[in-house]
Amino acid sequence: MDPVLAHDTRIVWGAAIEAPLAEELSKGAALVAAFFISRWMVRRFGMAEFDGPLDGIVYGAAIGLGFAFVEDNLYAVHFGASVLHQRLGFLGLLLLGHAIYTASFGAGLGLATWSSTRAGQIGYPLIGLAVAMFLHALHDGLVQLVLVIKYGMHTTVLFLTTGVPIDLGHRMQATGDSAVTAVKVIDYVLVAMFFAALALWVRYQRQILVYELSEEVNRGLITEAEWHLISSYRERLRWYGQLLRSGQVDRLRAVRRAHQQLTDLAFWKWRVQRVGGDQQLTDRRRQAISALRQEMITVPAARAG
């Protein structure tokens, strides 16, 4: 490879190539580790399992936020708090961008848990990782791309290093500023799309809960009142708060475990109908829920203090 071309490529495209590769692979590795830890914990302690796109999105966004928060603080320590403005603000767009990038990989990893084919189990995470890298590269490289398209590679390298004639420099700076504005607009659109997609997916999951658990009402596993309660995140949180405020901590633990098991049962049934699964496991889940509901009955209610 021509050493001049290699140098020019590094100057112009270095950040858009190196950061997406290194950072998305690092965050992705952390997410994969969280995935396997959750699988171990569900086998060992019966805790909630990493299962489905929503879990992947939540885990991925959390890892992305943590990464960006640490990165912003490191930049502030080394270069001063003013650098946060250049990074689109403390707790701003860049931090949310990292959350969205890793959530993209998380969604792919979550879809893989629902896939019954080897192609899906491998392909969905790879697609999610590719989307994460592409969005990250777009954020880091759009300005340089616009400059190269309009002024050429060599002129862009000179602009970024030794400088260009004043008139040309003013024009390139104006072009770069416009591209920076475009990057911010894209970031805002991505954030809006992310929260809209999350809200739609939560709504869809609620529909799964309503539909799948209606059968359990007919079976006598749960009451109709419990069915309505579990199907509403807001009502569940309100009831948890009432139990906590009244000092019924043991009952709260039992109720939350039962609700988690019922939620897992609903999504397991939905998954079995679409990608297959062990029907006997469905019956074992029902037996476990029945035992938990008996435990809820035997837990004494504490008096409100």
Protein backbone atom coordinates (compact mmCIF):
# COMPACT_ATOMS: atom_id res chain seq x y z
CA MET A 1 0.00 0.00 0.00
CA ASP A 2 1.20 3.51 -0.84
CA PRO A 3 2.50 5.03 2.44
CA VAL A 4 1.08 8.46 1.48
CA LEU A 5 -2.36 6.93 0.91
CA ALA A 6 -2.11 5.11 4.24
CA HIS A 7 -1.20 8.37 5.97
CA ASP A 8 -4.04 10.26 4.29
CA THR A 9 -6.52 7.53 5.14
CA ARG A 10 -5.46 7.60 8.77
CA ILE A 11 -5.77 11.40 8.98
CA VAL A 12 -9.22 11.57 7.40
CA TRP A 13 -10.87 8.27 8.31
CA GLY A 14 -8.95 7.15 11.40
CA ALA A 15 -11.62 8.12 13.93
CA ALA A 16 -14.46 6.78 11.77
CA ILE A 17 -12.75 3.39 11.41
CA GLU A 18 -10.89 2.79 14.66
CA ALA A 19 -13.48 4.02 17.17
CA PRO A 20 -16.46 2.00 15.83
CA LEU A 21 -14.35 -1.15 15.57
CA ALA A 22 -12.61 -0.91 18.94
CA GLU A 23 -15.44 0.56 21.00
CA GLU A 24 -18.35 -1.44 19.59
CA LEU A 25 -16.40 -4.68 19.88
CA SER A 26 -15.46 -3.82 23.48
CA LYS A 27 -19.00 -2.92 24.46
CA GLY A 28 -20.28 -5.92 22.53
CA ALA A 29 -17.93 -8.21 24.47
CA ALA A 30 -19.29 -6.77 27.74
CA LEU A 31 -22.84 -7.40 26.53
CA VAL A 32 -22.04 -10.99 25.55
CA ALA A 33 -20.51 -11.49 29.00
CA ALA A 34 -23.68 -10.11 30.61
CA PHE A 35 -25.71 -12.50 28.44
CA PHE A 36 -23.82 -15.58 29.65
CA ILE A 37 -23.77 -14.36 33.26
CA SER A 38 -27.57 -13.96 33.15
CA ARG A 39 -27.91 -17.49 31.76
CA TRP A 40 -25.76 -18.81 34.60
CA MET A 41 -27.69 -16.84 37.22
CA VAL A 42 -31.05 -18.10 36.02
CA ARG A 43 -29.81 -21.68 36.32
CA ARG A 44 -28.14 -21.05 39.68
CA PHE A 45 -30.54 -18.67 41.42
CA GLY A 46 -33.68 -18.63 39.27
CA MET A 47 -33.25 -14.93 38.50
CA ALA A 48 -34.66 -13.19 35.42
CA GLU A 49 -33.11 -14.36 32.17
CA PHE A 50 -31.69 -12.36 29.25
CA ASP A 51 -34.35 -13.32 26.71
CA GLY A 52 -35.68 -11.43 23.72
CA PRO A 53 -35.01 -8.08 22.00
CA LEU A 54 -36.24 -5.86 24.84
CA ASP A 55 -33.81 -7.43 27.31
CA GLY A 56 -31.04 -7.01 24.75
CA ILE A 57 -31.92 -3.37 24.16
CA VAL A 58 -32.04 -2.60 27.90
CA TYR A 59 -28.78 -4.40 28.68
CA GLY A 60 -27.08 -2.88 25.63
CA ALA A 61 -28.25 0.65 26.38
CA ALA A 62 -27.07 0.33 30.00
CA ILE A 63 -23.60 -0.80 28.89
CA GLY A 64 -23.45 1.96 26.28
CA LEU A 65 -24.43 4.61 28.83
CA GLY A 66 -21.85 3.33 31.29
CA PHE A 67 -19.13 3.35 28.64
CA ALA A 68 -19.98 6.88 27.48
CA PHE A 69 -20.20 8.20 31.05
CA VAL A 70 -16.72 6.88 31.87
CA GLU A 71 -15.35 8.13 28.53
CA ASP A 72 -16.75 11.64 29.09
CA ASN A 73 -15.26 11.80 32.56
CA LEU A 74 -11.86 10.64 31.30
CA TYR A 75 -11.92 13.33 28.60
CA ALA A 76 -12.90 15.94 31.21
CA VAL A 77 -10.03 14.87 33.51
CA HIS A 78 -7.42 14.91 30.76
CA PHE A 79 -8.58 17.89 28.66
CA GLY A 80 -10.82 19.94 30.98
CA ALA A 81 -14.57 20.26 31.35
CA SER A 82 -14.80 22.48 28.25
CA VAL A 83 -14.19 19.45 26.05
CA LEU A 84 -17.63 18.15 27.03
CA HIS A 85 -19.18 20.89 24.88
CA GLN A 86 -17.29 19.58 21.87
CA ARG A 87 -18.57 16.10 22.72
CA LEU A 88 -22.16 17.40 22.43
CA GLY A 89 -22.57 18.09 26.12
CA PHE A 90 -22.34 16.17 29.38
CA LEU A 91 -25.02 13.44 29.42
CA GLY A 92 -25.91 14.65 25.92
CA LEU A 93 -26.25 13.27 22.42
CA LEU A 94 -22.94 11.42 22.29
CA LEU A 95 -23.76 9.54 25.49
CA LEU A 96 -27.20 8.62 24.16
CA GLY A 97 -25.55 7.66 20.86
CA HIS A 98 -23.36 5.10 22.61
CA ALA A 99 -26.47 3.67 24.26
CA ILE A 100 -28.24 3.35 20.90
CA TYR A 101 -25.23 1.76 19.19
CA THR A 102 -24.85 -0.97 21.80
CA ALA A 103 -28.62 -1.41 22.06
CA SER A 104 -28.60 -2.23 18.33
CA PHE A 105 -26.25 -5.12 19.00
CA GLY A 106 -28.33 -6.05 22.05
CA ALA A 107 -31.48 -6.22 19.93
CA GLY A 108 -29.73 -8.62 17.56
CA LEU A 109 -28.49 -10.72 20.46
CA GLY A 110 -31.99 -10.77 21.93
CA LEU A 111 -33.52 -11.84 18.63
CA ALA A 112 -31.00 -14.68 18.50
CA THR A 113 -32.43 -16.08 21.76
CA TRP A 114 -35.79 -16.39 19.99
CA SER A 115 -34.41 -17.97 16.83
CA SER A 116 -34.67 -21.72 16.27
CA THR A 117 -32.14 -21.76 13.40
CA ARG A 118 -28.36 -21.55 13.46
CA ALA A 119 -28.51 -18.84 10.79
CA GLY A 120 -30.70 -16.67 13.02
CA GLN A 121 -28.67 -17.33 16.15
CA ILE A 122 -25.52 -16.18 14.36
CA GLY A 123 -26.95 -13.74 11.84
CA TYR A 124 -29.05 -11.52 14.11
CA PRO A 125 -26.15 -10.58 16.43
CA LEU A 126 -23.87 -9.94 13.43
CA ILE A 127 -26.50 -7.68 11.85
CA GLY A 128 -26.95 -5.84 15.14
CA LEU A 129 -23.19 -5.37 15.49
CA ALA A 130 -22.93 -4.15 11.89
CA VAL A 131 -25.71 -1.60 12.52
CA ALA A 132 -23.95 -0.42 15.69
CA MET A 133 -20.65 0.05 13.86
CA PHE A 134 -22.31 1.78 10.91
CA LEU A 135 -24.18 4.29 13.09
CA HIS A 136 -21.01 4.98 15.09
CA ALA A 137 -18.95 5.41 11.92
CA LEU A 138 -21.60 7.72 10.45
CA HIS A 139 -21.43 9.91 13.54
CA ASP A 140 -17.63 10.06 13.56
CA GLY A 141 -17.04 10.28 9.80
CA LEU A 142 -19.87 12.21 8.14
CA VAL A 143 -18.07 15.56 8.34
CA GLN A 144 -14.93 14.16 6.72
CA LEU A 145 -17.03 12.37 4.08
CA VAL A 146 -18.73 15.62 3.07
CA LEU A 147 -15.37 17.42 2.87
CA VAL A 148 -13.81 14.68 0.76
CA ILE A 149 -16.78 14.58 -1.63
CA LYS A 150 -16.76 18.34 -2.10
CA TYR A 151 -13.04 19.18 -2.00
CA GLY A 152 -11.20 15.92 -2.56
CA MET A 153 -9.06 13.70 -0.37
CA HIS A 154 -5.77 15.58 -0.67
CA THR A 155 -7.30 19.00 0.03
CA THR A 156 -9.14 17.59 3.05
CA VAL A 157 -5.89 16.19 4.44
CA LEU A 158 -4.22 19.59 4.03
CA PHE A 159 -7.19 21.31 5.71
CA LEU A 160 -6.95 18.95 8.69
CA THR A 161 -3.14 19.16 8.99
CA THR A 162 -0.95 21.89 7.50
CA GLY A 163 -3.69 24.18 6.29
CA VAL A 164 -5.04 25.56 3.00
CA PRO A 165 -5.36 29.08 1.53
CA ILE A 166 -7.52 31.38 3.65
CA ASP A 167 -10.46 31.70 1.24
CA LEU A 168 -10.58 27.96 0.68
CA GLY A 169 -10.22 27.37 4.42
CA HIS A 170 -13.24 29.57 5.14
CA ARG A 171 -15.33 27.67 2.60
CA MET A 172 -14.24 24.31 3.98
CA GLN A 173 -14.91 25.44 7.53
CA ALA A 174 -18.43 26.53 6.57
CA THR A 175 -18.98 23.17 4.87
CA GLY A 176 -17.70 21.37 7.95
CA ASP A 177 -19.96 23.39 10.25
CA SER A 178 -22.97 22.52 8.11
CA ALA A 179 -21.98 18.84 8.26
CA VAL A 180 -21.67 19.05 12.05
CA THR A 181 -25.23 20.42 12.17
CA ALA A 182 -26.36 17.53 9.99
CA VAL A 183 -24.70 15.08 12.40
CA LYS A 184 -26.60 16.62 15.31
CA VAL A 185 -29.88 16.39 13.41
CA ILE A 186 -29.20 12.72 12.62
CA ASP A 187 -28.38 12.11 16.29
CA TYR A 188 -31.66 13.69 17.40
CA VAL A 189 -33.59 11.62 14.85
CA LEU A 190 -31.88 8.43 16.06
CA VAL A 191 -32.71 9.23 19.69
CA ALA A 192 -36.35 9.90 18.78
CA MET A 193 -36.55 6.71 16.71
CA PHE A 194 -34.95 4.71 19.53
CA PHE A 195 -37.46 5.81 22.16
CA ALA A 196 -40.36 5.44 19.72
CA ALA A 197 -39.29 1.89 18.83
CA LEU A 198 -38.83 1.08 22.51
CA ALA A 199 -42.31 2.36 23.34
CA LEU A 200 -43.85 0.36 20.48
CA TRP A 201 -42.04 -2.79 21.54
CA VAL A 202 -43.15 -2.39 25.18
CA ARG A 203 -46.71 -1.94 23.93
CA TYR A 204 -46.40 -5.08 21.81
CA GLN A 205 -45.05 -7.05 24.76
CA ARG A 206 -47.99 -5.91 26.86
CA GLN A 207 -50.31 -7.31 24.17
CA ILE A 208 -48.46 -10.63 24.44
CA LEU A 209 -48.98 -10.63 28.21
CA VAL A 210 -52.70 -9.88 27.84
CA TYR A 211 -53.25 -12.58 25.22
CA GLU A 212 -51.08 -15.37 26.61
CA LEU A 213 -52.11 -14.98 30.25
CA SER A 214 -55.83 -14.93 29.43
CA GLU A 215 -55.54 -18.70 28.99
CA GLU A 216 -54.11 -18.98 32.50
CA VAL A 217 -57.21 -17.26 33.88
CA ASN A 218 -59.36 -19.89 32.20
CA ARG A 219 -57.09 -22.62 33.60
CA GLY A 220 -57.50 -21.20 37.10
CA LEU A 221 -53.79 -20.52 37.53
CA ILE A 222 -54.42 -16.83 38.21
CA THR A 223 -57.46 -14.70 38.88
CA GLU A 224 -58.87 -12.14 36.49
CA ALA A 225 -57.74 -9.37 38.85
CA GLU A 226 -54.19 -10.70 38.78
CA TRP A 227 -54.36 -10.87 35.00
CA HIS A 228 -55.27 -7.18 34.76
CA LEU A 229 -52.58 -6.26 37.30
CA ILE A 230 -49.76 -8.13 35.56
CA SER A 231 -50.76 -6.71 32.18
CA SER A 232 -50.27 -3.13 33.42
CA TYR A 233 -46.72 -2.03 34.26
CA ARG A 234 -48.06 1.09 35.95
CA GLU A 235 -50.46 -0.80 38.20
CA ARG A 236 -47.80 -3.35 39.11
CA LEU A 237 -45.36 -0.62 40.14
CA ARG A 238 -48.11 1.10 42.14
CA TRP A 239 -48.92 -2.11 44.01
CA TYR A 240 -45.25 -2.84 44.67
CA GLY A 241 -44.95 0.63 46.13
CA GLN A 242 -47.95 0.08 48.40
CA LEU A 243 -46.50 -3.20 49.70
CA LEU A 244 -43.14 -1.56 50.32
CA ARG A 245 -44.62 1.45 52.12
CA SER A 246 -46.71 -0.85 54.35
CA GLY A 247 -43.62 -2.83 55.34
CA GLN A 248 -44.67 -6.06 53.61
CA VAL A 249 -41.19 -6.76 52.24
CA ASP A 250 -41.45 -10.57 52.31
CA ARG A 251 -44.79 -10.46 50.53
CA LEU A 252 -43.37 -8.02 47.98
CA ARG A 253 -40.53 -10.45 47.18
CA ALA A 254 -42.97 -13.32 46.73
CA VAL A 255 -45.31 -11.25 44.57
CA ARG A 256 -42.50 -10.01 42.34
CA ARG A 257 -41.16 -13.53 41.89
CA ALA A 258 -44.61 -14.78 40.93
CA HIS A 259 -45.14 -11.91 38.50
CA GLN A 260 -41.74 -12.51 36.93
CA GLN A 261 -42.55 -16.19 36.51
CA LEU A 262 -45.91 -15.35 34.95
CA THR A 263 -44.27 -12.89 32.56
CA ASP A 264 -41.68 -15.52 31.60
CA LEU A 265 -44.49 -18.04 31.08
CA ALA A 266 -46.35 -15.68 28.73
CA PHE A 267 -43.32 -15.00 26.56
CA TRP A 268 -42.29 -18.66 26.64
CA LYS A 269 -45.71 -19.68 25.31
CA TRP A 270 -45.50 -16.98 22.63
CA ARG A 271 -42.05 -18.23 21.69
CA VAL A 272 -43.09 -21.91 21.58
CA GLN A 273 -45.92 -21.10 19.18
CA ARG A 274 -43.57 -19.35 16.76
CA VAL A 275 -40.15 -21.01 16.98
CA GLY A 276 -40.91 -24.21 18.89
CA GLY A 277 -39.91 -25.45 22.31
CA ASP A 278 -40.52 -28.03 25.01
CA GLN A 279 -44.21 -28.09 25.95
CA GLN A 280 -43.34 -29.95 29.14
CA LEU A 281 -41.36 -26.90 30.24
CA THR A 282 -44.57 -24.89 29.95
CA ASP A 283 -46.26 -27.25 32.40
CA ARG A 284 -43.29 -27.10 34.78
CA ARG A 285 -43.44 -23.31 34.71
CA ARG A 286 -47.14 -23.47 35.61
CA GLN A 287 -46.34 -25.79 38.54
CA ALA A 288 -43.63 -23.43 39.78
CA ILE A 289 -46.03 -20.48 39.58
CA SER A 290 -48.69 -22.39 41.49
CA ALA A 291 -46.16 -23.09 44.24
CA LEU A 292 -45.16 -19.42 44.35
CA ARG A 293 -48.79 -18.34 44.65
CA GLN A 294 -49.17 -20.68 47.63
CA GLU A 295 -46.10 -19.04 49.13
CA MET A 296 -47.73 -15.64 48.65
CA ILE A 297 -50.75 -16.87 50.60
CA THR A 298 -48.65 -18.17 53.49
CA VAL A 299 -46.52 -15.04 53.82
CA PRO A 300 -48.03 -13.05 56.70
CA ALA A 301 -49.15 -9.53 55.90
CA ALA A 302 -47.33 -6.94 57.98
CA ARG A 303 -49.28 -4.16 59.57
CA ALA A 304 -48.88 -0.78 58.02
CA GLY A 305 -46.78 1.35 60.29
